[in-house]
Amino acid sequence: MKYSKHLPILFIALISTSCANIRTSQTPLPTAKFMKARTTATITKTSVSNISIINPGEKNQDPVLCFMNVSAWGTQHAKKEDLVQSLVQEASKLNADYLYLGDFKSQIAGSISQHIGYGIVTNNPVYQNYLGGTACIKSEVTLGIVHEKGKIQYVQKNSLAEKQGMKEGMQIIAVNGRAIASDEFTMQIEINAKSKGDQTNVEIIDLKGNKKSFDFKLE
């Protein structure tokens, strides 16, 4: 009886995959209730291949509504690409368009006691690998800006923001009377969760330090 020389490698690979023991979880964000209200009318089932992955440090100029944190973790045998695939599958179940990834981490999950003889016991750490992400959908409306904590970093040409005179470097301080500093989700809730034709008020501090107010009809 002949045995393939590749069998040991295949056997090791199967053991490594099974030992990864990847689990996933979901945690709704404050924006989730706004996403649910729009799901039936505007969202269709998303396939895994259609989900855009945004890695740490990458910028996405599309307006998004992020609604769910997803997490994947497994044993120390779990590879980053396996955790990413698990998160993509979770995002697909949620009909997401985008998956923003966090940093891959390896952390101590506990310890195992081992008797090595002569009454000596050692405690060996047990590690687990972890990767988190955020599932988002593309918004149907936009001001045409990219911002960081309200600070405008980019203004899209021919956008609503440009037509109103908003420029890079200006600071958004409130939307519909809701302060930007009070909640990291203010822009998403007050703009990205809205529909075409909705009225929105934006207050900013311009490049000269003057406070201004703009009224938008979203499109």
C-alpha atoms as a PDB file:
ATOM      1  CA  MET A   1       0.000   0.000   0.000  1.00  0.00           C
ATOM      2  CA  LYS A   2       1.429   3.371  -1.053  1.00  0.00           C
ATOM      3  CA  TYR A   3       1.138   6.579   0.942  1.00  0.00           C
ATOM      4  CA  SER A   4       1.459  10.006  -0.627  1.00  0.00           C
ATOM      5  CA  LYS A   5       4.369  12.050   0.665  1.00  0.00           C
ATOM      6  CA  HIS A   6       1.938  15.002   0.865  1.00  0.00           C
ATOM      7  CA  LEU A   7      -0.355  13.325   3.432  1.00  0.00           C
ATOM      8  CA  PRO A   8       1.581  14.487   6.534  1.00  0.00           C
ATOM      9  CA  ILE A   9       1.424  18.091   5.317  1.00  0.00           C
ATOM     10  CA  LEU A  10      -2.311  17.795   4.641  1.00  0.00           C
ATOM     11  CA  PHE A  11      -2.859  16.226   8.061  1.00  0.00           C
ATOM     12  CA  ILE A  12      -1.003  19.069   9.800  1.00  0.00           C
ATOM     13  CA  ALA A  13      -3.000  21.655   7.849  1.00  0.00           C
ATOM     14  CA  LEU A  14      -6.293  20.044   8.885  1.00  0.00           C
ATOM     15  CA  ILE A  15      -5.240  19.973  12.535  1.00  0.00           C
ATOM     16  CA  SER A  16      -4.180  23.634  12.386  1.00  0.00           C
ATOM     17  CA  THR A  17      -7.530  24.695  10.877  1.00  0.00           C
ATOM     18  CA  SER A  18      -9.616  22.735  13.397  1.00  0.00           C
ATOM     19  CA  CYS A  19      -7.546  24.048  16.286  1.00  0.00           C
ATOM     20  CA  ALA A  20      -8.235  27.626  15.224  1.00  0.00           C
ATOM     21  CA  ASN A  21     -11.770  27.269  16.686  1.00  0.00           C
ATOM     22  CA  ILE A  22     -12.939  30.660  15.385  1.00  0.00           C
ATOM     23  CA  ARG A  23     -15.980  32.249  17.040  1.00  0.00           C
ATOM     24  CA  THR A  24     -17.779  35.459  16.138  1.00  0.00           C
ATOM     25  CA  SER A  25     -20.042  37.973  17.842  1.00  0.00           C
ATOM     26  CA  GLN A  26     -22.028  41.110  16.982  1.00  0.00           C
ATOM     27  CA  THR A  27     -22.539  44.291  19.001  1.00  0.00           C
ATOM     28  CA  PRO A  28     -25.053  46.895  17.724  1.00  0.00           C
ATOM     29  CA  LEU A  29     -23.958  50.536  17.519  1.00  0.00           C
ATOM     30  CA  PRO A  30     -26.285  53.463  18.400  1.00  0.00           C
ATOM     31  CA  THR A  31     -26.883  53.877  14.650  1.00  0.00           C
ATOM     32  CA  ALA A  32     -28.323  50.355  14.269  1.00  0.00           C
ATOM     33  CA  LYS A  33     -31.945  51.440  14.808  1.00  0.00           C
ATOM     34  CA  PHE A  34     -31.652  53.921  11.963  1.00  0.00           C
ATOM     35  CA  MET A  35     -30.262  51.250   9.662  1.00  0.00           C
ATOM     36  CA  LYS A  36     -33.087  48.847  10.496  1.00  0.00           C
ATOM     37  CA  ALA A  37     -35.684  51.455   9.541  1.00  0.00           C
ATOM     38  CA  ARG A  38     -34.185  51.621   6.054  1.00  0.00           C
ATOM     39  CA  THR A  39     -33.358  47.956   5.466  1.00  0.00           C
ATOM     40  CA  THR A  40     -36.466  46.735   3.658  1.00  0.00           C
ATOM     41  CA  ALA A  41     -36.649  49.652   1.255  1.00  0.00           C
ATOM     42  CA  THR A  42     -33.011  50.256   0.407  1.00  0.00           C
ATOM     43  CA  ILE A  43     -30.846  47.226   1.217  1.00  0.00           C
ATOM     44  CA  THR A  44     -30.488  44.029  -0.791  1.00  0.00           C
ATOM     45  CA  LYS A  45     -28.644  40.874   0.178  1.00  0.00           C
ATOM     46  CA  THR A  46     -24.888  41.367  -0.065  1.00  0.00           C
ATOM     47  CA  SER A  47     -22.609  38.569  -1.248  1.00  0.00           C
ATOM     48  CA  VAL A  48     -19.230  38.046   0.393  1.00  0.00           C
ATOM     49  CA  SER A  49     -17.419  39.039  -2.802  1.00  0.00           C
ATOM     50  CA  ASN A  50     -19.186  42.421  -2.947  1.00  0.00           C
ATOM     51  CA  ILE A  51     -18.092  43.615   0.501  1.00  0.00           C
ATOM     52  CA  SER A  52     -15.327  46.218   0.404  1.00  0.00           C
ATOM     53  CA  ILE A  53     -12.702  45.776   3.129  1.00  0.00           C
ATOM     54  CA  ILE A  54     -11.249  48.971   4.604  1.00  0.00           C
ATOM     55  CA  ASN A  55      -7.974  48.285   6.416  1.00  0.00           C
ATOM     56  CA  PRO A  56      -6.664  50.356   9.351  1.00  0.00           C
ATOM     57  CA  GLY A  57      -5.357  53.698   8.133  1.00  0.00           C
ATOM     58  CA  GLU A  58      -7.206  53.550   4.804  1.00  0.00           C
ATOM     59  CA  LYS A  59      -9.700  56.280   3.891  1.00  0.00           C
ATOM     60  CA  ASN A  60     -13.081  55.727   2.283  1.00  0.00           C
ATOM     61  CA  GLN A  61     -14.625  58.752   0.573  1.00  0.00           C
ATOM     62  CA  ASP A  62     -18.043  57.110   0.229  1.00  0.00           C
ATOM     63  CA  PRO A  63     -20.625  58.210   2.826  1.00  0.00           C
ATOM     64  CA  VAL A  64     -21.448  55.327   5.150  1.00  0.00           C
ATOM     65  CA  LEU A  65     -23.729  54.392   7.996  1.00  0.00           C
ATOM     66  CA  CYS A  66     -21.865  52.053  10.352  1.00  0.00           C
ATOM     67  CA  PHE A  67     -24.268  50.036  12.479  1.00  0.00           C
ATOM     68  CA  MET A  68     -22.649  46.916  13.901  1.00  0.00           C
ATOM     69  CA  ASN A  69     -19.333  45.955  15.499  1.00  0.00           C
ATOM     70  CA  VAL A  70     -18.322  42.395  14.616  1.00  0.00           C
ATOM     71  CA  SER A  71     -15.630  40.382  16.358  1.00  0.00           C
ATOM     72  CA  ALA A  72     -13.802  37.147  15.589  1.00  0.00           C
ATOM     73  CA  TRP A  73     -11.433  35.295  17.864  1.00  0.00           C
ATOM     74  CA  GLY A  74      -9.842  31.879  18.020  1.00  0.00           C
ATOM     75  CA  THR A  75      -6.884  30.003  19.406  1.00  0.00           C
ATOM     76  CA  GLN A  76      -3.276  30.948  18.732  1.00  0.00           C
ATOM     77  CA  HIS A  77      -3.550  28.820  15.567  1.00  0.00           C
ATOM     78  CA  ALA A  78      -6.118  31.201  14.065  1.00  0.00           C
ATOM     79  CA  LYS A  79      -4.509  33.175  11.251  1.00  0.00           C
ATOM     80  CA  LYS A  80      -5.429  36.758  10.446  1.00  0.00           C
ATOM     81  CA  GLU A  81      -6.811  35.812   7.022  1.00  0.00           C
ATOM     82  CA  ASP A  82      -9.094  33.226   8.657  1.00  0.00           C
ATOM     83  CA  LEU A  83     -10.435  35.817  11.108  1.00  0.00           C
ATOM     84  CA  VAL A  84     -10.935  38.301   8.261  1.00  0.00           C
ATOM     85  CA  GLN A  85     -12.939  35.730   6.310  1.00  0.00           C
ATOM     86  CA  SER A  86     -15.119  35.055   9.365  1.00  0.00           C
ATOM     87  CA  LEU A  87     -15.807  38.782   9.758  1.00  0.00           C
ATOM     88  CA  VAL A  88     -16.638  39.130   6.060  1.00  0.00           C
ATOM     89  CA  GLN A  89     -19.171  36.321   6.414  1.00  0.00           C
ATOM     90  CA  GLU A  90     -20.749  38.094   9.398  1.00  0.00           C
ATOM     91  CA  ALA A  91     -20.874  41.355   7.446  1.00  0.00           C
ATOM     92  CA  SER A  92     -22.545  39.516   4.561  1.00  0.00           C
ATOM     93  CA  LYS A  93     -25.282  38.219   6.885  1.00  0.00           C
ATOM     94  CA  LEU A  94     -25.890  41.842   7.918  1.00  0.00           C
ATOM     95  CA  ASN A  95     -26.186  43.008   4.285  1.00  0.00           C
ATOM     96  CA  ALA A  96     -23.203  45.319   4.755  1.00  0.00           C
ATOM     97  CA  ASP A  97     -21.411  47.085   1.904  1.00  0.00           C
ATOM     98  CA  TYR A  98     -18.211  47.792   3.821  1.00  0.00           C
ATOM     99  CA  LEU A  99     -16.185  46.139   6.556  1.00  0.00           C
ATOM    100  CA  TYR A 100     -13.788  48.395   8.463  1.00  0.00           C
ATOM    101  CA  LEU A 101     -11.112  46.226  10.050  1.00  0.00           C
ATOM    102  CA  GLY A 102      -9.346  46.854  13.346  1.00  0.00           C
ATOM    103  CA  ASP A 103      -5.892  45.634  14.350  1.00  0.00           C
ATOM    104  CA  PHE A 104      -5.058  41.945  14.612  1.00  0.00           C
ATOM    105  CA  LYS A 105      -4.186  41.102  18.236  1.00  0.00           C
ATOM    106  CA  SER A 106      -2.815  38.162  20.164  1.00  0.00           C
ATOM    107  CA  GLN A 107      -3.693  38.210  23.841  1.00  0.00           C
ATOM    108  CA  ILE A 108      -3.513  35.959  26.877  1.00  0.00           C
ATOM    109  CA  ALA A 109      -6.830  34.203  27.485  1.00  0.00           C
ATOM    110  CA  GLY A 110      -5.800  32.142  30.496  1.00  0.00           C
ATOM    111  CA  SER A 111      -3.235  29.572  31.578  1.00  0.00           C
ATOM    112  CA  ILE A 112      -2.712  25.827  31.802  1.00  0.00           C
ATOM    113  CA  SER A 113      -1.018  24.186  34.775  1.00  0.00           C
ATOM    114  CA  GLN A 114       1.595  21.585  33.904  1.00  0.00           C
ATOM    115  CA  HIS A 115       3.303  19.150  36.279  1.00  0.00           C
ATOM    116  CA  ILE A 116       6.930  18.744  35.264  1.00  0.00           C
ATOM    117  CA  GLY A 117       7.935  16.417  38.085  1.00  0.00           C
ATOM    118  CA  TYR A 118       9.355  16.615  41.611  1.00  0.00           C
ATOM    119  CA  GLY A 119       6.227  18.454  42.739  1.00  0.00           C
ATOM    120  CA  ILE A 120       6.951  21.383  40.445  1.00  0.00           C
ATOM    121  CA  VAL A 121       3.997  22.954  38.643  1.00  0.00           C
ATOM    122  CA  THR A 122       4.291  25.581  35.928  1.00  0.00           C
ATOM    123  CA  ASN A 123       1.535  27.820  34.598  1.00  0.00           C
ATOM    124  CA  ASN A 124       1.762  28.215  30.821  1.00  0.00           C
ATOM    125  CA  PRO A 125      -0.158  31.096  29.209  1.00  0.00           C
ATOM    126  CA  VAL A 126      -2.865  30.295  26.676  1.00  0.00           C
ATOM    127  CA  TYR A 127      -3.152  32.803  23.851  1.00  0.00           C
ATOM    128  CA  GLN A 128      -6.077  33.688  21.624  1.00  0.00           C
ATOM    129  CA  ASN A 129      -5.997  35.712  18.431  1.00  0.00           C
ATOM    130  CA  TYR A 130      -8.560  38.468  17.965  1.00  0.00           C
ATOM    131  CA  LEU A 131      -9.764  40.728  15.159  1.00  0.00           C
ATOM    132  CA  GLY A 132     -12.580  43.257  15.304  1.00  0.00           C
ATOM    133  CA  GLY A 133     -14.381  45.189  12.609  1.00  0.00           C
ATOM    134  CA  THR A 134     -17.359  47.404  11.867  1.00  0.00           C
ATOM    135  CA  ALA A 135     -20.079  46.640   9.329  1.00  0.00           C
ATOM    136  CA  CYS A 136     -21.403  49.608   7.345  1.00  0.00           C
ATOM    137  CA  ILE A 137     -23.760  50.344   4.482  1.00  0.00           C
ATOM    138  CA  LYS A 138     -23.394  53.047   1.868  1.00  0.00           C
ATOM    139  CA  SER A 139     -25.534  56.088   2.599  1.00  0.00           C
ATOM    140  CA  GLU A 140     -27.996  57.270  -0.026  1.00  0.00           C
ATOM    141  CA  VAL A 141     -27.201  60.926   0.742  1.00  0.00           C
ATOM    142  CA  THR A 142     -24.032  62.922   1.313  1.00  0.00           C
ATOM    143  CA  LEU A 143     -22.728  66.431   1.895  1.00  0.00           C
ATOM    144  CA  GLY A 144     -19.650  65.521  -0.106  1.00  0.00           C
ATOM    145  CA  ILE A 145     -17.043  65.819   2.634  1.00  0.00           C
ATOM    146  CA  VAL A 146     -14.556  63.659   4.476  1.00  0.00           C
ATOM    147  CA  HIS A 147     -14.014  64.684   8.075  1.00  0.00           C
ATOM    148  CA  GLU A 148     -12.171  63.607  11.205  1.00  0.00           C
ATOM    149  CA  LYS A 149     -14.093  64.438  14.387  1.00  0.00           C
ATOM    150  CA  GLY A 150     -15.852  67.226  12.490  1.00  0.00           C
ATOM    151  CA  LYS A 151     -12.673  68.706  10.988  1.00  0.00           C
ATOM    152  CA  ILE A 152     -13.199  68.825   7.212  1.00  0.00           C
ATOM    153  CA  GLN A 153     -10.330  67.094   5.417  1.00  0.00           C
ATOM    154  CA  TYR A 154     -11.745  66.863   1.903  1.00  0.00           C
ATOM    155  CA  VAL A 155     -14.541  68.555  -0.048  1.00  0.00           C
ATOM    156  CA  GLN A 156     -15.828  66.779  -3.143  1.00  0.00           C
ATOM    157  CA  LYS A 157     -16.098  68.836  -6.319  1.00  0.00           C
ATOM    158  CA  ASN A 158     -19.669  69.954  -7.202  1.00  0.00           C
ATOM    159  CA  SER A 159     -20.980  68.590  -3.893  1.00  0.00           C
ATOM    160  CA  LEU A 160     -23.554  70.235  -1.626  1.00  0.00           C
ATOM    161  CA  ALA A 161     -20.763  71.263   0.721  1.00  0.00           C
ATOM    162  CA  GLU A 162     -18.729  72.942  -2.023  1.00  0.00           C
ATOM    163  CA  LYS A 163     -21.783  74.785  -3.367  1.00  0.00           C
ATOM    164  CA  GLN A 164     -22.396  76.201   0.115  1.00  0.00           C
ATOM    165  CA  GLY A 165     -18.785  77.342   0.418  1.00  0.00           C
ATOM    166  CA  MET A 166     -17.517  74.755   2.885  1.00  0.00           C
ATOM    167  CA  LYS A 167     -13.752  74.238   2.671  1.00  0.00           C
ATOM    168  CA  GLU A 168     -11.050  71.937   3.970  1.00  0.00           C
ATOM    169  CA  GLY A 169      -9.891  72.955   7.425  1.00  0.00           C
ATOM    170  CA  MET A 170     -13.285  74.205   8.599  1.00  0.00           C
ATOM    171  CA  GLN A 171     -14.655  72.662  11.789  1.00  0.00           C
ATOM    172  CA  ILE A 172     -18.193  71.292  11.980  1.00  0.00           C
ATOM    173  CA  ILE A 173     -19.506  71.928  15.496  1.00  0.00           C
ATOM    174  CA  ALA A 174     -23.154  70.808  15.264  1.00  0.00           C
ATOM    175  CA  VAL A 175     -25.664  69.131  12.960  1.00  0.00           C
ATOM    176  CA  ASN A 176     -29.377  69.798  13.462  1.00  0.00           C
ATOM    177  CA  GLY A 177     -28.494  71.334  16.834  1.00  0.00           C
ATOM    178  CA  ARG A 178     -26.651  68.208  17.989  1.00  0.00           C
ATOM    179  CA  ALA A 179     -23.033  68.914  18.972  1.00  0.00           C
ATOM    180  CA  ILE A 180     -20.353  66.930  17.145  1.00  0.00           C
ATOM    181  CA  ALA A 181     -18.285  66.667  20.328  1.00  0.00           C
ATOM    182  CA  SER A 182     -21.142  64.982  22.197  1.00  0.00           C
ATOM    183  CA  ASP A 183     -21.259  61.814  20.091  1.00  0.00           C
ATOM    184  CA  GLU A 184     -18.944  60.223  17.515  1.00  0.00           C
ATOM    185  CA  PHE A 185     -22.020  59.052  15.600  1.00  0.00           C
ATOM    186  CA  THR A 186     -23.647  62.491  15.231  1.00  0.00           C
ATOM    187  CA  MET A 187     -22.706  62.969  11.572  1.00  0.00           C
ATOM    188  CA  GLN A 188     -23.894  59.490  10.637  1.00  0.00           C
ATOM    189  CA  ILE A 189     -27.197  59.787  12.499  1.00  0.00           C
ATOM    190  CA  GLU A 190     -28.001  63.345  11.447  1.00  0.00           C
ATOM    191  CA  ILE A 191     -26.836  63.085   7.813  1.00  0.00           C
ATOM    192  CA  ASN A 192     -25.908  59.606   6.580  1.00  0.00           C
ATOM    193  CA  ALA A 193     -29.042  57.983   8.005  1.00  0.00           C
ATOM    194  CA  LYS A 194     -31.290  60.507   6.276  1.00  0.00           C
ATOM    195  CA  SER A 195     -33.111  60.243   2.952  1.00  0.00           C
ATOM    196  CA  LYS A 196     -33.018  62.355  -0.183  1.00  0.00           C
ATOM    197  CA  GLY A 197     -34.982  65.576   0.253  1.00  0.00           C
ATOM    198  CA  ASP A 198     -34.529  65.764   4.036  1.00  0.00           C
ATOM    199  CA  GLN A 199     -33.553  69.154   5.452  1.00  0.00           C
ATOM    200  CA  THR A 200     -30.343  69.389   7.481  1.00  0.00           C
ATOM    201  CA  ASN A 201     -28.672  72.285   9.289  1.00  0.00           C
ATOM    202  CA  VAL A 202     -24.900  72.332   9.763  1.00  0.00           C
ATOM    203  CA  GLU A 203     -23.015  74.776  11.989  1.00  0.00           C
ATOM    204  CA  ILE A 204     -19.312  75.331  11.360  1.00  0.00           C
ATOM    205  CA  ILE A 205     -16.354  77.452  12.402  1.00  0.00           C
ATOM    206  CA  ASP A 206     -14.783  78.843   9.219  1.00  0.00           C
ATOM    207  CA  LEU A 207     -11.095  79.402   8.488  1.00  0.00           C
ATOM    208  CA  LYS A 208     -11.254  82.874  10.061  1.00  0.00           C
ATOM    209  CA  GLY A 209     -12.789  81.589  13.269  1.00  0.00           C
ATOM    210  CA  ASN A 210     -16.302  82.834  12.483  1.00  0.00           C
ATOM    211  CA  LYS A 211     -19.368  80.754  13.246  1.00  0.00           C
ATOM    212  CA  LYS A 212     -21.647  80.046  10.267  1.00  0.00           C
ATOM    213  CA  SER A 213     -24.808  78.071   9.667  1.00  0.00           C
ATOM    214  CA  PHE A 214     -25.778  76.227   6.469  1.00  0.00           C
ATOM    215  CA  ASP A 215     -29.133  74.714   5.499  1.00  0.00           C
ATOM    216  CA  PHE A 216     -29.067  71.739   3.142  1.00  0.00           C
ATOM    217  CA  LYS A 217     -31.682  69.789   1.228  1.00  0.00           C
ATOM    218  CA  LEU A 218     -29.971  66.408   1.065  1.00  0.00           C
ATOM    219  CA  GLU A 219     -29.435  64.676  -2.259  1.00  0.00           C
END
